[in-house]
Amino acid sequence: MERREFLQQVAAWSVVAGTIPTLRIPSVSAQTTAPGVAAAQPELIVGKGKDYAELTRKVVEKLGGMQKFVKAGDKVVVKPNIGWDRTVEQGANTHPEIVKALVVMALAAGAKQVLVFDRSCDDTRKCYAKSGIKEAIEGLNDPRATCPYCDNAKFVPVKIDNGVAIQTWNIYKDALDADVYINVPIAKHHSSAKVTAGLKNIMGVAGGNRGSLHQNQGEKLTDLHLVIKPKLTIIDATRILLRNGPQGGKMEDVKVLDTIVASTDPVAADAYVTQWFDKKPDEIPIILAASKRGLGEIDLAKVKVTEV
């Protein structure tokens, strides 16, 4: 359906759920039947350096600048990984300097509101604090930029018309009604997914029993991407977890790469990072499933890679 109609249904659900919570909650259709396929030759920007804020700006500029993605008056969601009660050095959450830089750029491009959030796995308040992300956003002292804790009441049931493994799932309302969704994961080892980066980061806007998404996860997470399509994917590989992911905890499992990967093609971005984990893209279920359903390019030989 049209985006306007979709948002009207989401708003209607919110009113009903807020006033008569005992009513049966109606489902709404996904705002898109399939994400738009990237350009004929997707572009991948790989930045290397130790000034992570400046590096973030440079990789985005190489893709056309934030103004290419964010317009005046837009509501923007910057979705990092804040899933774990871990410090920056432990490599389980997205680096706060990268998140902060993206928020600053979005505001400069004219965003009226920028939200930074994640449905954490560990205690939310501890995750937000120890990751350094909440402090970084609040340190901007700009009322347009906030880092709120997820509210369970804001997960909206969405019908996925073209879903293969799931046809209905609860998705976070702020992610659904954002004009621009920027995905900012960290690349790391994952005990079941083998490698987790951009595509799996969608778990942070999914409600319900997320554990069940790990069975047949390639198809299920691809189904969720029919609802949420990032306009921009920025993968934090400044330091990566080589083992004991996704939560980590041991410094010997962390490797410093001082690298950031950026693309409008979420499949190509994920495919690129698999090399650091001695994997091939088609060995990762979510990358393979997403590529087969046209979400992006898995063959890096067909991707234009530019280093900065």
Protein backbone atom coordinates (compact mmCIF):
# COMPACT_ATOMS: atom_id res chain seq x y z
CA MET A 1 0.00 0.00 0.00
CA GLU A 2 0.98 3.66 -0.22
CA ARG A 3 3.20 4.91 2.58
CA ARG A 4 0.64 7.53 3.68
CA GLU A 5 -2.08 4.91 4.07
CA PHE A 6 0.31 2.66 5.96
CA LEU A 7 1.20 5.42 8.44
CA GLN A 8 -2.49 6.22 8.93
CA GLN A 9 -3.10 2.62 9.90
CA VAL A 10 -0.15 2.63 12.30
CA ALA A 11 -1.48 5.81 13.90
CA ALA A 12 -4.97 4.35 14.15
CA TRP A 13 -3.60 1.24 15.83
CA SER A 14 -1.75 3.41 18.36
CA VAL A 15 -4.94 5.23 19.32
CA VAL A 16 -6.91 2.01 19.70
CA ALA A 17 -4.17 0.25 21.63
CA GLY A 18 -3.74 3.24 23.92
CA THR A 19 -7.41 3.62 24.81
CA ILE A 20 -8.88 0.10 24.62
CA PRO A 21 -6.00 -2.33 25.13
CA THR A 22 -8.29 -5.34 25.42
CA LEU A 23 -9.47 -5.04 21.81
CA ARG A 24 -8.09 -7.38 19.19
CA ILE A 25 -5.24 -5.47 17.55
CA PRO A 26 -5.69 -5.22 13.78
CA SER A 27 -2.77 -6.06 11.52
CA VAL A 28 -1.51 -3.65 8.89
CA SER A 29 0.17 -4.43 5.62
CA ALA A 30 3.85 -3.83 5.05
CA GLN A 31 4.65 -0.45 3.52
CA THR A 32 6.52 -2.08 0.67
CA THR A 33 6.17 -5.45 -1.01
CA ALA A 34 9.90 -5.63 -1.61
CA PRO A 35 12.80 -3.25 -1.04
CA GLY A 36 14.04 -1.46 -4.12
CA VAL A 37 17.04 -3.13 -5.66
CA ALA A 38 20.21 -1.05 -5.62
CA ALA A 39 21.78 0.45 -8.73
CA ALA A 40 23.12 -1.80 -11.52
CA GLN A 41 26.56 -1.54 -9.95
CA PRO A 42 26.17 -1.02 -6.21
CA GLU A 43 28.78 1.16 -4.56
CA LEU A 44 30.64 0.24 -1.40
CA ILE A 45 32.81 2.74 0.48
CA VAL A 46 35.49 1.38 2.80
CA GLY A 47 37.04 3.94 5.12
CA LYS A 48 40.15 3.37 7.20
CA GLY A 49 41.48 5.62 9.94
CA LYS A 50 41.49 6.32 13.66
CA ASP A 51 39.33 9.45 13.75
CA TYR A 52 36.01 7.61 13.62
CA ALA A 53 33.79 10.69 13.49
CA GLU A 54 35.72 12.16 10.55
CA LEU A 55 35.87 8.76 8.87
CA THR A 56 32.10 8.44 9.14
CA ARG A 57 31.66 11.81 7.47
CA LYS A 58 34.03 10.87 4.67
CA VAL A 59 32.35 7.57 3.77
CA VAL A 60 28.93 9.23 3.71
CA GLU A 61 30.26 12.06 1.56
CA LYS A 62 31.57 9.51 -0.93
CA LEU A 63 28.02 8.18 -1.28
CA GLY A 64 26.72 11.66 -2.08
CA GLY A 65 26.51 13.23 1.37
CA MET A 66 23.81 13.00 4.02
CA GLN A 67 21.68 15.51 2.12
CA LYS A 68 21.19 12.80 -0.50
CA PHE A 69 19.32 10.72 2.06
CA VAL A 70 17.86 13.20 4.55
CA LYS A 71 15.63 16.12 3.54
CA ALA A 72 14.41 19.09 5.54
CA GLY A 73 11.68 18.07 7.96
CA ASP A 74 12.44 14.34 7.88
CA LYS A 75 12.07 12.05 10.87
CA VAL A 76 15.24 9.97 11.00
CA VAL A 77 16.02 6.76 12.85
CA VAL A 78 19.69 5.90 13.42
CA LYS A 79 19.65 2.25 14.50
CA PRO A 80 22.90 1.04 16.13
CA ASN A 81 23.56 -2.13 18.09
CA ILE A 82 23.10 -1.33 21.80
CA GLY A 83 22.27 -4.90 22.70
CA TRP A 84 24.87 -5.70 25.31
CA ASP A 85 26.17 -4.56 28.69
CA ARG A 86 29.65 -4.06 27.29
CA THR A 87 32.18 -1.24 27.00
CA VAL A 88 33.29 0.28 23.72
CA GLU A 89 36.56 -1.62 23.87
CA GLN A 90 34.81 -5.00 24.12
CA GLY A 91 33.40 -4.66 20.60
CA ALA A 92 29.82 -5.82 21.14
CA ASN A 93 28.03 -2.52 20.45
CA THR A 94 28.33 0.13 17.76
CA HIS A 95 30.98 2.77 18.48
CA PRO A 96 29.34 5.92 19.94
CA GLU A 97 31.47 8.28 17.84
CA ILE A 98 30.08 6.76 14.64
CA VAL A 99 26.50 7.03 15.88
CA LYS A 100 27.01 10.59 17.05
CA ALA A 101 28.56 11.65 13.73
CA LEU A 102 25.58 10.29 11.79
CA VAL A 103 23.14 12.12 14.06
CA VAL A 104 25.04 15.39 13.62
CA MET A 105 25.02 14.97 9.83
CA ALA A 106 21.31 14.17 9.78
CA LEU A 107 20.52 17.28 11.80
CA ALA A 108 22.72 19.39 9.53
CA ALA A 109 20.80 18.03 6.53
CA GLY A 110 17.57 19.37 8.04
CA ALA A 111 16.08 16.47 10.00
CA LYS A 112 13.37 17.67 12.38
CA GLN A 113 13.89 14.66 14.65
CA VAL A 114 16.56 11.98 15.02
CA LEU A 115 15.88 8.93 17.18
CA VAL A 116 18.58 6.49 18.32
CA PHE A 117 17.39 3.27 19.94
CA ASP A 118 17.67 -0.51 20.12
CA ARG A 119 15.76 -3.33 21.78
CA SER A 120 18.60 -4.50 23.99
CA CYS A 121 19.27 -8.11 25.00
CA ASP A 122 20.87 -7.27 28.36
CA ASP A 123 19.37 -4.75 30.78
CA THR A 124 18.52 -1.75 28.61
CA ARG A 125 19.70 0.97 30.96
CA LYS A 126 23.04 -0.75 31.52
CA CYS A 127 23.50 -1.27 27.77
CA TYR A 128 22.71 2.35 26.91
CA ALA A 129 25.06 3.61 29.62
CA LYS A 130 28.03 1.29 29.17
CA SER A 131 27.98 1.51 25.36
CA GLY A 132 28.50 5.26 25.63
CA ILE A 133 25.82 5.89 22.99
CA LYS A 134 23.18 7.54 25.19
CA GLU A 135 25.77 9.88 26.69
CA ALA A 136 27.08 10.78 23.22
CA ILE A 137 23.63 11.73 21.91
CA GLU A 138 22.53 13.58 25.01
CA GLY A 139 25.87 15.41 24.95
CA LEU A 140 24.79 17.14 21.76
CA ASN A 141 22.28 19.16 23.81
CA ASP A 142 19.94 19.31 20.84
CA PRO A 143 16.24 18.60 21.57
CA ARG A 144 15.82 17.20 18.06
CA ALA A 145 18.16 14.29 18.85
CA THR A 146 17.17 11.74 21.51
CA CYS A 147 18.19 8.26 22.63
CA PRO A 148 15.03 6.83 24.24
CA TYR A 149 14.60 3.39 25.75
CA CYS A 150 12.31 1.12 23.74
CA ASP A 151 8.69 1.08 24.88
CA ASN A 152 7.03 -2.34 24.61
CA ALA A 153 3.70 -0.65 23.89
CA LYS A 154 5.11 0.74 20.62
CA PHE A 155 5.55 -2.60 18.85
CA VAL A 156 2.93 -2.67 16.09
CA PRO A 157 1.61 -5.85 14.41
CA VAL A 158 2.47 -5.77 10.72
CA LYS A 159 1.18 -8.13 8.06
CA ILE A 160 3.94 -9.14 5.64
CA ASP A 161 2.07 -9.96 2.45
CA ASN A 162 5.02 -11.52 0.64
CA GLY A 163 6.53 -13.18 3.69
CA VAL A 164 8.04 -16.62 3.11
CA ALA A 165 8.67 -17.80 6.68
CA ILE A 166 6.60 -15.27 8.67
CA GLN A 167 3.46 -13.42 7.62
CA THR A 168 2.92 -11.22 10.70
CA TRP A 169 5.32 -9.73 13.19
CA ASN A 170 5.42 -6.86 15.69
CA ILE A 171 7.71 -4.04 14.52
CA TYR A 172 8.70 -0.93 16.46
CA LYS A 173 6.45 1.98 15.51
CA ASP A 174 9.21 4.60 15.39
CA ALA A 175 11.08 2.49 12.87
CA LEU A 176 7.95 2.05 10.77
CA ASP A 177 7.04 5.71 10.48
CA ALA A 178 10.56 7.09 9.99
CA ASP A 179 11.18 8.93 6.73
CA VAL A 180 14.80 7.77 6.79
CA TYR A 181 16.12 4.62 8.46
CA ILE A 182 19.91 4.45 8.84
CA ASN A 183 21.29 1.08 9.88
CA VAL A 184 24.49 1.26 11.98
CA PRO A 185 25.51 -2.23 13.16
CA ILE A 186 28.83 -3.54 14.35
CA ALA A 187 30.45 -6.47 12.53
CA LYS A 188 31.06 -9.47 14.79
CA HIS A 189 30.94 -13.22 15.20
CA HIS A 190 27.57 -14.72 16.08
CA SER A 191 27.05 -18.14 17.63
CA SER A 192 24.12 -19.08 15.36
CA ALA A 193 24.34 -16.67 12.42
CA LYS A 194 28.15 -17.13 12.11
CA VAL A 195 28.55 -13.45 11.22
CA THR A 196 26.25 -10.60 12.17
CA ALA A 197 26.32 -7.14 10.62
CA GLY A 198 23.70 -4.99 8.90
CA LEU A 199 20.98 -7.41 7.88
CA LYS A 200 20.70 -9.10 11.27
CA ASN A 201 20.62 -5.75 13.06
CA ILE A 202 16.92 -5.59 12.20
CA MET A 203 16.38 -7.81 15.26
CA GLY A 204 16.60 -4.62 17.32
CA VAL A 205 13.28 -3.31 15.97
CA ALA A 206 11.47 -6.67 16.16
CA GLY A 207 9.12 -7.41 19.03
CA GLY A 208 7.72 -10.67 20.30
CA ASN A 209 9.75 -13.82 20.79
CA ARG A 210 12.94 -12.95 18.95
CA GLY A 211 14.52 -16.25 19.86
CA SER A 212 12.18 -17.96 17.41
CA LEU A 213 13.62 -15.84 14.61
CA HIS A 214 16.87 -17.79 14.88
CA GLN A 215 15.23 -20.87 13.39
CA ASN A 216 15.24 -20.51 9.61
CA GLN A 217 16.69 -17.09 10.34
CA GLY A 218 17.73 -16.32 6.78
CA GLU A 219 14.18 -16.35 5.46
CA LYS A 220 12.61 -14.85 8.58
CA LEU A 221 14.94 -11.89 8.78
CA THR A 222 14.59 -11.33 5.05
CA ASP A 223 10.83 -11.18 5.58
CA LEU A 224 11.35 -8.41 8.15
CA HIS A 225 13.41 -6.50 5.59
CA LEU A 226 10.33 -6.35 3.37
CA VAL A 227 8.92 -4.00 6.02
CA ILE A 228 12.01 -2.04 7.09
CA LYS A 229 14.35 -0.90 4.32
CA PRO A 230 17.40 1.13 5.33
CA LYS A 231 18.32 3.99 3.03
CA LEU A 232 21.88 3.77 4.27
CA THR A 233 23.96 1.07 5.95
CA ILE A 234 27.07 2.02 7.91
CA ILE A 235 28.94 -0.97 9.36
CA ASP A 236 31.24 -0.37 12.31
CA ALA A 237 34.37 -2.47 11.88
CA THR A 238 36.61 -0.23 13.95
CA ARG A 239 37.01 -3.27 16.19
CA ILE A 240 35.34 -6.62 15.61
CA LEU A 241 34.54 -9.69 17.70
CA LEU A 242 36.22 -12.72 16.18
CA ARG A 243 34.85 -15.21 18.72
CA ASN A 244 32.18 -15.58 21.43
CA GLY A 245 29.72 -13.25 19.73
CA PRO A 246 27.37 -11.61 19.78
CA GLN A 247 27.93 -10.45 23.36
CA GLY A 248 31.66 -11.06 23.74
CA GLY A 249 33.35 -9.87 26.92
CA LYS A 250 36.97 -10.98 26.47
CA MET A 251 39.46 -8.52 25.06
CA GLU A 252 41.41 -11.34 23.38
CA ASP A 253 38.38 -11.89 21.12
CA VAL A 254 38.55 -8.31 19.79
CA LYS A 255 40.52 -7.27 16.71
CA VAL A 256 41.04 -3.59 15.91
CA LEU A 257 40.54 -2.81 12.21
CA ASP A 258 39.86 0.95 12.30
CA THR A 259 37.46 0.45 9.38
CA ILE A 260 33.97 1.65 8.45
CA VAL A 261 31.95 0.21 5.55
CA ALA A 262 29.14 2.23 3.93
CA SER A 263 26.64 1.40 1.21
CA THR A 264 23.04 1.79 0.10
CA ASP A 265 23.11 -1.95 -0.65
CA PRO A 266 22.72 -3.86 2.65
CA VAL A 267 23.60 -7.23 1.09
CA ALA A 268 26.84 -6.00 -0.48
CA ALA A 269 27.85 -4.35 2.79
CA ASP A 270 27.35 -7.57 4.75
CA ALA A 271 29.01 -9.64 2.04
CA TYR A 272 32.13 -7.48 2.27
CA VAL A 273 32.66 -7.95 6.01
CA THR A 274 32.52 -11.77 5.89
CA GLN A 275 36.16 -11.84 4.75
CA TRP A 276 37.33 -10.81 8.23
CA PHE A 277 35.72 -13.92 9.70
CA ASP A 278 37.12 -16.37 7.12
CA LYS A 279 33.65 -16.88 5.65
CA LYS A 280 32.11 -16.53 2.22
CA PRO A 281 28.94 -14.46 1.80
CA ASP A 282 26.84 -17.45 0.69
CA GLU A 283 27.75 -19.27 3.93
CA ILE A 284 25.75 -16.74 5.95
CA PRO A 285 22.00 -17.60 5.83
CA ILE A 286 20.65 -14.04 6.00
CA ILE A 287 23.01 -12.77 3.27
CA LEU A 288 22.16 -15.65 0.97
CA ALA A 289 18.41 -15.41 1.52
CA ALA A 290 18.35 -11.63 1.13
CA SER A 291 20.32 -11.78 -2.11
CA LYS A 292 18.05 -14.45 -3.59
CA ARG A 293 15.03 -12.25 -2.93
CA GLY A 294 16.54 -9.20 -4.57
CA LEU A 295 17.49 -7.12 -1.55
CA GLY A 296 21.00 -6.52 -2.88
CA GLU A 297 24.14 -7.85 -4.54
CA ILE A 298 26.04 -10.76 -2.97
CA ASP A 299 28.72 -10.98 -5.69
CA LEU A 300 31.40 -8.45 -4.74
CA ALA A 301 32.89 -8.69 -8.24
CA LYS A 302 29.81 -6.74 -9.36
CA VAL A 303 30.23 -4.07 -6.68
CA LYS A 304 32.26 -0.88 -7.06
CA VAL A 305 34.50 -0.68 -3.98
CA THR A 306 36.15 2.65 -3.15
CA GLU A 307 38.58 3.15 -0.28
CA VAL A 308 38.99 6.41 1.63
